[in-house]
N, C-alpha and C. Protein backbone atom coordinates (compact mmCIF):
# COMPACT_ATOMS: atom_id res chain seq x y z
N UNK A 1 102.08 132.38 120.73
CA UNK A 1 101.73 131.23 120.31
C UNK A 1 102.60 131.39 118.59
N UNK A 2 102.08 132.47 117.82
CA UNK A 2 102.65 133.01 116.52
C UNK A 2 104.01 133.94 116.71
N UNK A 3 104.81 133.70 117.75
CA UNK A 3 105.80 135.04 117.68
C UNK A 3 106.94 134.44 116.85
N UNK A 4 107.16 132.85 116.76
CA UNK A 4 108.62 132.57 115.95
C UNK A 4 107.70 132.60 114.47
N UNK A 5 106.87 132.73 114.09
CA UNK A 5 106.42 132.68 112.38
C UNK A 5 106.82 134.07 111.77
N UNK A 6 107.73 133.45 110.50
CA UNK A 6 108.30 134.37 109.92
C UNK A 6 107.89 134.16 108.78
N UNK A 7 108.41 135.13 107.51
CA UNK A 7 108.05 135.17 106.20
C UNK A 7 108.89 134.16 105.28
N UNK A 8 108.19 133.08 104.66
CA UNK A 8 109.03 132.07 103.87
C UNK A 8 109.31 132.71 102.40
N UNK A 9 110.46 132.13 101.94
CA UNK A 9 111.01 132.36 100.85
C UNK A 9 110.81 131.57 99.76
N UNK A 10 110.67 132.07 98.43
CA UNK A 10 110.80 131.28 97.28
C UNK A 10 112.07 130.69 97.71
N UNK A 11 112.29 129.18 97.03
CA UNK A 11 111.14 128.47 96.42
C UNK A 11 110.69 127.28 97.53
N UNK A 12 110.39 128.10 98.90
CA UNK A 12 109.83 126.66 99.66
C UNK A 12 108.45 126.34 99.22
N UNK A 13 108.69 124.86 99.11
CA UNK A 13 107.38 124.32 98.50
C UNK A 13 105.71 124.77 98.91
N UNK A 14 105.98 125.09 100.47
CA UNK A 14 104.54 125.50 100.88
C UNK A 14 103.98 126.73 100.32
N UNK A 15 104.31 127.46 99.28
CA UNK A 15 104.18 128.60 98.78
C UNK A 15 103.52 128.20 97.43
N UNK A 16 103.48 126.95 97.08
CA UNK A 16 103.33 126.27 95.84
C UNK A 16 101.60 125.62 96.31
N UNK A 17 101.48 125.43 97.38
CA UNK A 17 99.89 124.78 97.66
C UNK A 17 98.98 125.40 97.72
N UNK A 18 97.68 125.08 97.27
CA UNK A 18 96.59 125.55 97.99
C UNK A 18 96.00 125.43 98.86
N UNK A 19 95.93 126.67 99.51
CA UNK A 19 95.44 126.32 100.91
C UNK A 19 93.77 126.68 101.18
N UNK A 20 93.46 125.75 102.50
CA UNK A 20 92.37 125.26 102.66
C UNK A 20 91.43 126.49 103.50
N UNK A 21 89.97 126.30 103.07
CA UNK A 21 89.35 127.35 103.70
C UNK A 21 89.57 127.41 105.50
N UNK A 22 89.61 128.54 105.91
CA UNK A 22 89.24 128.38 107.49
C UNK A 22 88.22 127.92 107.85
N UNK A 23 87.83 127.01 108.97
CA UNK A 23 86.76 126.72 109.49
C UNK A 23 86.77 127.15 110.99
N UNK A 24 87.96 127.53 111.67
CA UNK A 24 87.43 127.86 113.03
C UNK A 24 87.90 129.60 113.07
N UNK A 25 86.99 130.20 113.60
CA UNK A 25 87.28 131.50 113.99
C UNK A 25 87.14 131.72 115.41
N UNK A 26 88.60 131.72 115.69
CA UNK A 26 88.40 131.87 117.30
C UNK A 26 89.83 132.71 117.54
N UNK A 27 90.12 132.71 119.07
CA UNK A 27 91.15 133.39 119.24
C UNK A 27 92.75 133.19 118.48
N UNK A 28 92.88 132.05 118.12
CA UNK A 28 93.76 131.73 117.44
C UNK A 28 94.28 132.31 116.11
N UNK A 29 93.05 132.37 115.48
CA UNK A 29 93.02 133.31 114.29
C UNK A 29 92.91 134.67 114.66
N UNK A 30 92.55 135.19 115.28
CA UNK A 30 92.95 136.89 115.66
C UNK A 30 94.25 137.09 116.22
N UNK A 31 95.11 136.02 116.80
CA UNK A 31 96.45 136.02 117.02
C UNK A 31 97.53 136.18 115.96
N UNK A 32 96.92 135.00 114.97
CA UNK A 32 97.57 134.70 113.44
C UNK A 32 97.44 136.07 112.85
N UNK A 33 96.19 136.52 112.93
CA UNK A 33 96.03 138.00 111.78
C UNK A 33 97.43 138.88 112.31
N UNK A 34 97.17 139.10 113.70
CA UNK A 34 97.96 140.25 114.90
C UNK A 34 99.50 140.13 114.39
N UNK A 35 100.01 138.95 114.14
CA UNK A 35 101.43 138.72 114.03
C UNK A 35 101.50 138.89 112.30
N UNK A 36 100.20 138.42 111.39
CA UNK A 36 100.70 138.68 110.27
C UNK A 36 100.93 140.09 109.76
N UNK A 37 100.28 140.96 110.58
CA UNK A 37 100.09 142.21 110.33
C UNK A 37 101.19 143.14 110.38
N UNK A 38 101.97 142.66 111.94
CA UNK A 38 103.16 142.83 112.18
C UNK A 38 104.21 142.37 111.51
N UNK A 39 104.37 141.01 110.37
CA UNK A 39 105.45 141.21 109.97
C UNK A 39 105.14 142.00 108.48
N UNK A 40 104.08 142.23 108.15
CA UNK A 40 103.69 142.72 107.16
C UNK A 40 104.08 144.24 107.03
N UNK A 41 103.83 144.87 108.17
CA UNK A 41 104.46 146.37 108.35
C UNK A 41 105.83 146.32 108.51
N UNK A 42 106.53 145.09 109.41
CA UNK A 42 107.66 145.36 109.45
C UNK A 42 108.89 145.25 108.30
N UNK A 43 108.28 144.26 107.18
CA UNK A 43 108.74 143.79 106.02
C UNK A 43 108.26 145.20 105.13
N UNK A 44 107.96 146.46 105.04
CA UNK A 44 107.39 147.27 104.55
C UNK A 44 106.66 146.65 103.35
N UNK A 45 105.56 145.62 103.58
CA UNK A 45 104.71 145.20 102.45
C UNK A 45 103.11 145.71 102.55
N UNK A 46 102.49 145.59 101.64
CA UNK A 46 101.23 145.94 101.61
C UNK A 46 100.14 144.94 101.65
N UNK A 47 100.47 143.33 101.79
CA UNK A 47 99.80 142.52 101.73
C UNK A 47 100.89 141.12 102.30
N UNK A 48 99.97 140.41 102.95
CA UNK A 48 100.77 139.23 103.16
C UNK A 48 99.64 138.00 103.41
N UNK A 49 99.82 136.71 102.80
CA UNK A 49 98.76 135.87 102.85
C UNK A 49 99.44 134.93 104.19
N UNK A 50 98.40 134.00 104.09
CA UNK A 50 99.02 133.18 105.80
C UNK A 50 99.81 131.88 104.67
N UNK A 51 99.92 131.47 103.55
CA UNK A 51 100.84 131.02 102.86
C UNK A 51 102.31 131.22 102.75
N UNK A 52 102.39 132.55 102.71
CA UNK A 52 103.92 133.31 103.34
C UNK A 52 104.41 133.28 104.57
N UNK A 53 103.52 132.74 105.42
CA UNK A 53 104.20 132.46 106.69
C UNK A 53 104.22 130.97 106.84
N UNK A 54 104.24 130.18 106.05
CA UNK A 54 104.10 128.83 105.98
C UNK A 54 102.66 128.05 106.10
N UNK A 55 101.71 128.77 106.53
CA UNK A 55 100.27 128.26 106.94
C UNK A 55 99.56 128.25 105.81
N UNK A 56 99.29 127.22 105.32
CA UNK A 56 98.16 126.88 104.08
C UNK A 56 96.90 127.01 104.50
N UNK A 57 96.51 128.29 104.88
CA UNK A 57 95.13 128.45 105.06
C UNK A 57 94.39 129.72 104.36
N UNK A 58 93.18 129.70 103.87
CA UNK A 58 92.60 130.71 102.75
C UNK A 58 92.64 132.27 103.79
N UNK A 59 93.67 132.96 104.28
CA UNK A 59 93.59 134.18 104.70
C UNK A 59 94.79 135.04 104.46
N UNK A 60 94.15 136.37 104.36
CA UNK A 60 95.50 137.42 103.90
C UNK A 60 94.92 138.42 104.68
N UNK A 61 96.08 139.36 105.06
CA UNK A 61 95.86 140.71 105.89
C UNK A 61 96.45 141.54 104.42
N UNK A 62 96.11 142.85 104.62
CA UNK A 62 96.73 144.13 104.04
C UNK A 62 96.14 145.31 104.24
N UNK A 63 97.14 146.12 103.80
CA UNK A 63 97.08 147.63 104.36
C UNK A 63 97.51 148.74 103.05
N UNK A 64 96.70 149.14 102.48
CA UNK A 64 97.30 150.05 100.89
C UNK A 64 97.82 151.46 101.57
N UNK A 65 97.36 151.98 102.79
CA UNK A 65 97.89 153.15 102.90
C UNK A 65 99.37 153.17 103.99
N UNK A 66 99.21 151.82 104.99
CA UNK A 66 100.49 152.53 105.87
C UNK A 66 99.66 152.67 107.34
N UNK A 67 98.58 153.05 106.85
CA UNK A 67 97.66 153.91 108.11
C UNK A 67 97.04 152.83 108.92
N UNK A 68 97.42 152.76 110.65
CA UNK A 68 96.57 151.17 111.29
C UNK A 68 95.42 150.98 111.15
N UNK A 69 94.61 152.59 110.92
CA UNK A 69 93.11 152.20 110.77
C UNK A 69 92.86 151.60 109.49
N UNK A 70 93.91 151.44 108.35
CA UNK A 70 93.28 150.88 107.27
C UNK A 70 93.64 149.20 107.16
N UNK A 71 93.99 148.80 107.97
CA UNK A 71 94.50 147.10 108.53
C UNK A 71 93.48 146.77 107.94
N UNK A 72 93.49 145.51 107.09
CA UNK A 72 92.31 144.57 106.83
C UNK A 72 92.42 143.44 106.86
N UNK A 73 91.58 142.56 107.28
CA UNK A 73 91.82 140.84 107.15
C UNK A 73 90.66 140.32 106.54
N UNK A 74 91.37 139.23 105.28
CA UNK A 74 90.08 138.69 104.41
C UNK A 74 90.32 137.21 104.78
N UNK A 75 89.30 136.69 105.20
CA UNK A 75 89.16 135.13 105.46
C UNK A 75 88.46 134.36 104.40
N UNK A 76 88.68 133.38 103.77
CA UNK A 76 88.22 132.77 102.90
C UNK A 76 87.98 133.38 101.41
N UNK A 77 88.65 134.63 101.20
CA UNK A 77 87.95 135.25 100.07
C UNK A 77 87.72 134.63 98.65
N UNK A 78 86.78 135.06 98.04
CA UNK A 78 86.25 134.73 96.59
C UNK A 78 86.40 136.00 95.81
N UNK A 79 86.80 135.88 94.93
CA UNK A 79 87.07 137.19 93.94
C UNK A 79 86.22 136.85 92.57
N UNK A 80 85.44 138.02 91.99
CA UNK A 80 84.53 137.73 91.03
C UNK A 80 84.24 139.05 90.25
N UNK A 81 83.67 138.89 89.07
CA UNK A 81 83.30 140.10 88.47
C UNK A 81 84.47 141.03 87.95
N UNK A 82 85.59 140.40 87.42
CA UNK A 82 86.81 140.93 86.65
C UNK A 82 86.51 142.10 85.79
N UNK A 83 86.71 143.07 85.88
CA UNK A 83 86.66 143.86 84.92
C UNK A 83 87.89 144.82 84.41
N UNK A 84 87.80 144.82 82.98
CA UNK A 84 89.34 145.63 82.40
C UNK A 84 90.38 144.96 83.17
N UNK A 85 91.71 145.65 82.47
CA UNK A 85 92.95 145.16 82.49
C UNK A 85 93.61 145.92 82.89
N UNK A 86 94.93 146.44 83.68
CA UNK A 86 95.92 147.28 83.79
C UNK A 86 97.51 146.45 84.28
N UNK A 87 98.14 146.81 83.38
CA UNK A 87 99.40 146.17 83.83
C UNK A 87 99.92 147.52 84.82
N UNK A 88 100.70 146.66 85.96
CA UNK A 88 101.44 147.65 87.38
C UNK A 88 102.29 146.49 87.65
N UNK A 89 103.28 147.43 88.17
CA UNK A 89 104.55 147.00 88.73
C UNK A 89 104.19 146.05 90.39
N UNK A 90 104.75 144.93 90.53
CA UNK A 90 104.36 144.41 91.59
C UNK A 90 105.71 143.66 92.35
N UNK A 91 105.64 143.73 93.90
CA UNK A 91 107.06 142.87 94.40
C UNK A 91 106.33 141.80 95.48
N UNK A 92 107.14 140.92 95.62
CA UNK A 92 106.39 140.33 96.82
C UNK A 92 107.27 139.94 97.90
N UNK A 93 106.92 139.93 99.01
CA UNK A 93 107.44 139.69 100.27
C UNK A 93 108.31 138.45 100.36
N UNK A 94 107.70 137.24 99.69
CA UNK A 94 108.52 136.00 99.44
C UNK A 94 109.60 135.84 98.56
N UNK A 95 109.68 137.07 97.51
CA UNK A 95 110.36 137.14 96.64
C UNK A 95 111.25 138.83 96.42
N UNK A 96 112.02 138.35 97.45
CA UNK A 96 112.90 140.26 97.85
C UNK A 96 113.49 140.76 96.51
N UNK A 97 113.69 141.56 96.23
CA UNK A 97 114.51 142.45 95.34
C UNK A 97 113.63 142.07 94.01
N UNK A 98 112.64 141.06 93.58
CA UNK A 98 112.47 140.89 92.53
C UNK A 98 110.85 141.91 92.26
N UNK A 99 110.71 142.53 91.15
CA UNK A 99 109.70 143.16 90.72
C UNK A 99 109.45 142.97 89.50
N UNK A 100 108.49 142.86 88.97
CA UNK A 100 107.81 142.79 87.68
C UNK A 100 106.37 143.58 87.50
N UNK A 101 106.01 143.98 85.90
CA UNK A 101 104.84 145.03 85.82
C UNK A 101 104.23 143.21 85.37
N UNK A 102 102.87 143.03 86.30
CA UNK A 102 101.88 141.87 85.84
C UNK A 102 100.85 142.60 85.62
N UNK A 103 99.93 141.93 84.68
CA UNK A 103 98.54 142.40 83.93
C UNK A 103 97.33 141.86 85.25
N UNK A 104 96.80 142.47 85.64
CA UNK A 104 95.43 142.34 86.41
C UNK A 104 93.95 143.07 86.17
N UNK A 105 92.94 142.52 86.97
CA UNK A 105 91.87 143.07 86.27
C UNK A 105 91.96 144.52 87.24
N UNK A 106 91.56 145.37 86.49
CA UNK A 106 91.48 146.53 86.84
C UNK A 106 90.52 146.62 88.04
N UNK A 107 89.28 146.08 88.18
CA UNK A 107 88.30 146.27 89.43
C UNK A 107 87.82 144.91 89.37
N UNK A 108 87.74 144.65 90.54
CA UNK A 108 87.02 142.95 91.37
C UNK A 108 86.35 143.07 92.38
N UNK A 109 85.24 142.28 92.70
CA UNK A 109 84.31 142.15 93.69
C UNK A 109 84.78 140.97 94.44
N UNK A 110 84.72 140.79 95.96
CA UNK A 110 85.26 139.96 96.85
C UNK A 110 84.17 139.72 97.89
N UNK A 111 84.07 138.47 97.93
CA UNK A 111 83.19 138.19 99.26
C UNK A 111 84.11 137.15 100.07
N UNK A 112 84.00 137.78 101.43
CA UNK A 112 85.21 137.09 102.40
C UNK A 112 84.51 137.06 103.76
N UNK A 113 85.22 136.77 104.59
CA UNK A 113 84.67 136.75 106.07
C UNK A 113 85.38 137.59 106.99
N UNK A 114 84.83 138.24 107.69
CA UNK A 114 85.67 138.64 108.89
C UNK A 114 86.41 137.68 109.90
N UNK A 115 87.28 138.57 110.49
CA UNK A 115 87.69 137.72 112.01
C UNK A 115 86.73 136.76 112.46
N UNK A 116 85.75 136.99 112.69
CA UNK A 116 84.25 136.75 113.64
C UNK A 116 83.51 135.99 112.87
N UNK A 117 84.21 135.74 111.29
CA UNK A 117 83.27 134.90 110.87
C UNK A 117 82.34 135.31 110.05
N UNK A 118 81.92 136.48 110.10
CA UNK A 118 81.11 137.29 109.32
C UNK A 118 81.07 137.84 107.61
N UNK A 119 80.36 136.82 106.97
CA UNK A 119 80.35 137.21 105.49
C UNK A 119 80.13 139.10 105.15
N UNK A 120 81.10 139.71 104.41
CA UNK A 120 81.05 140.92 103.71
C UNK A 120 80.96 140.66 102.64
N UNK A 121 81.01 142.10 101.60
CA UNK A 121 81.35 141.56 100.00
C UNK A 121 81.87 143.00 99.99
N UNK A 122 82.81 143.37 98.87
CA UNK A 122 83.17 144.57 98.75
C UNK A 122 83.87 144.47 97.16
N UNK A 123 83.77 145.87 96.62
CA UNK A 123 84.20 146.20 95.41
C UNK A 123 85.53 146.94 95.08
N UNK A 124 86.21 146.82 94.51
CA UNK A 124 87.56 147.73 94.63
C UNK A 124 87.93 147.65 93.28
N UNK A 125 88.84 148.94 92.93
CA UNK A 125 89.43 148.89 91.61
C UNK A 125 91.00 149.69 91.98
N UNK A 126 91.75 149.42 91.24
CA UNK A 126 93.13 150.52 91.00
C UNK A 126 94.10 149.31 92.13
N UNK A 127 94.56 149.88 93.15
CA UNK A 127 95.47 149.32 93.56
C UNK A 127 95.17 148.38 94.74
N UNK A 128 93.91 148.68 95.29
CA UNK A 128 93.17 147.71 96.21
C UNK A 128 92.94 146.38 95.34
N UNK A 129 92.49 146.41 94.50
CA UNK A 129 91.87 145.28 93.46
C UNK A 129 93.43 144.54 93.34
N UNK A 130 94.53 145.32 92.60
CA UNK A 130 95.48 144.50 92.67
C UNK A 130 96.17 143.85 93.98
N UNK A 131 96.17 144.40 95.12
CA UNK A 131 96.48 143.73 95.75
C UNK A 131 95.87 142.59 96.28
N UNK A 132 94.54 142.53 96.47
CA UNK A 132 93.68 141.31 96.86
C UNK A 132 93.99 140.56 95.75
N UNK A 133 94.26 140.16 94.25
CA UNK A 133 94.52 139.39 93.39
C UNK A 133 95.79 138.92 93.56
N UNK A 134 96.79 139.71 93.96
CA UNK A 134 98.35 139.09 94.59
C UNK A 134 97.89 138.01 95.61
N UNK A 135 97.47 138.58 96.73
CA UNK A 135 97.31 137.84 97.58
C UNK A 135 96.38 136.40 97.47
N UNK A 136 95.49 136.67 96.70
CA UNK A 136 94.50 135.29 96.42
C UNK A 136 95.41 134.32 95.60
N UNK A 137 96.32 134.61 94.82
CA UNK A 137 97.06 134.32 94.20
C UNK A 137 97.60 133.14 95.19
N UNK A 138 98.31 134.03 96.08
CA UNK A 138 99.05 132.79 97.15
C UNK A 138 98.12 131.82 97.74
N UNK A 139 97.25 132.09 97.85
CA UNK A 139 96.47 131.20 98.62
C UNK A 139 95.99 129.83 97.64
N UNK A 140 96.03 130.60 96.16
CA UNK A 140 95.91 129.43 95.26
C UNK A 140 97.08 128.86 94.87
N UNK A 141 98.41 129.12 95.35
CA UNK A 141 99.70 128.41 95.09
C UNK A 141 100.36 128.95 94.03
N UNK A 142 100.04 130.31 93.38
CA UNK A 142 100.64 131.19 92.33
C UNK A 142 101.07 132.39 92.57
N UNK A 143 102.41 132.01 92.23
CA UNK A 143 103.48 133.00 92.69
C UNK A 143 103.63 134.02 91.74
N UNK A 144 104.25 135.42 91.86
CA UNK A 144 104.70 136.28 91.03
C UNK A 144 105.26 135.55 89.90
N UNK A 145 106.15 134.95 90.08
CA UNK A 145 107.13 134.30 89.10
C UNK A 145 106.03 133.59 88.20
N UNK A 146 105.24 132.89 88.71
CA UNK A 146 103.93 132.61 87.64
C UNK A 146 103.75 133.53 86.38
N UNK A 147 103.65 134.43 86.98
CA UNK A 147 102.85 135.31 86.47
C UNK A 147 103.48 136.22 85.60
N UNK A 148 104.85 136.00 85.92
CA UNK A 148 105.89 137.30 85.03
C UNK A 148 106.23 136.28 83.50
N UNK A 149 106.58 137.68 82.53
CA UNK A 149 106.83 136.93 81.49
C UNK A 149 108.21 136.55 80.98
N UNK A 150 108.74 136.23 80.12
CA UNK A 150 110.16 135.89 79.81
C UNK A 150 110.96 136.73 80.20
N UNK A 151 110.74 137.93 79.35
CA UNK A 151 111.92 138.89 79.96
C UNK A 151 112.19 139.34 81.24
N UNK A 152 110.71 139.30 82.01
CA UNK A 152 110.85 139.86 83.35
C UNK A 152 111.47 138.79 84.30
N UNK A 153 111.39 137.46 83.71
CA UNK A 153 112.35 136.22 84.25
C UNK A 153 113.64 136.49 84.15
N UNK A 154 114.20 136.75 82.90
CA UNK A 154 115.41 137.18 82.46
C UNK A 154 116.26 138.38 83.20
N UNK A 155 115.44 139.34 83.76
CA UNK A 155 115.56 140.54 84.09
C UNK A 155 116.03 140.32 85.54
N UNK A 156 114.99 139.44 86.42
CA UNK A 156 115.58 138.94 87.19
C UNK A 156 116.21 137.62 87.96
N UNK A 157 116.55 137.19 86.91
CA UNK A 157 117.26 135.57 87.13
C UNK A 157 118.29 135.46 87.90
N UNK A 158 119.01 136.56 88.23
CA UNK A 158 120.33 136.71 89.51
C UNK A 158 119.60 136.39 90.65
N UNK A 159 118.48 137.56 90.94
CA UNK A 159 118.11 137.30 92.39
C UNK A 159 117.23 135.96 92.32
N UNK A 160 116.66 135.59 91.36
CA UNK A 160 115.84 133.84 91.62
C UNK A 160 116.84 132.90 92.01
N UNK A 161 118.03 132.70 90.99
CA UNK A 161 119.07 131.98 90.86
C UNK A 161 119.40 132.32 92.73
N UNK A 162 119.57 133.17 93.54
CA UNK A 162 119.90 133.44 94.60
C UNK A 162 119.36 132.88 95.83
N UNK A 163 118.09 132.90 95.58
CA UNK A 163 117.07 132.78 96.63
C UNK A 163 117.02 131.20 96.53
N UNK A 164 117.35 130.66 95.15
CA UNK A 164 117.00 129.20 94.85
C UNK A 164 118.47 128.58 95.62
N UNK A 165 119.30 129.13 95.64
CA UNK A 165 121.11 128.61 95.79
C UNK A 165 120.57 128.79 97.65
N UNK A 166 120.67 130.13 98.44
CA UNK A 166 119.76 130.20 99.55
C UNK A 166 119.05 128.97 100.37
N UNK A 167 118.06 128.64 99.41
CA UNK A 167 117.06 127.32 99.71
C UNK A 167 117.94 126.13 100.07
N UNK A 168 118.86 125.97 98.94
CA UNK A 168 119.58 124.27 98.98
C UNK A 168 120.39 124.61 100.08
N UNK A 169 121.06 125.59 100.40
CA UNK A 169 122.51 125.88 101.34
C UNK A 169 121.58 125.52 102.73
N UNK A 170 120.20 126.29 102.91
CA UNK A 170 119.43 125.95 104.01
C UNK A 170 118.66 124.43 104.49
N UNK A 171 118.56 123.45 103.12
CA UNK A 171 117.80 122.51 103.59
C UNK A 171 118.64 121.54 103.04
């Protein structure tokens, strides 16, 4: 069902939409999560939001280590209790070849649901917290470009222009 799904690239307008909460926890959702984990791994990413495959639902997958047992799926995530700040290098599968230093909360709490719809909470810091914030940004229609400062935008302007041109050529 989801074999044709692929990662969409900036400036696809679906990347700027606010995603809607997931209401049905069924086999389709499990199949979608499996396909997203496959695409994330195939593209050597650490996280992938449903918005990045053109589906504006509040779900993302992630794996901070690359080990299959560390695959994580978060549905209808809500972040809270941000603590501290840390700048770190980020990239994005929807913005290939673009990296920038982004300021994020050092530690953050999350409430979410699993694939069965069961609620759970977690508190993370460092790399995991950074991935969560990046992926939840996607669910809110916020891109890495929206978080980049003017110097980072200038440094990446060639890659940004190439993505925009490619979009125009394809649409």
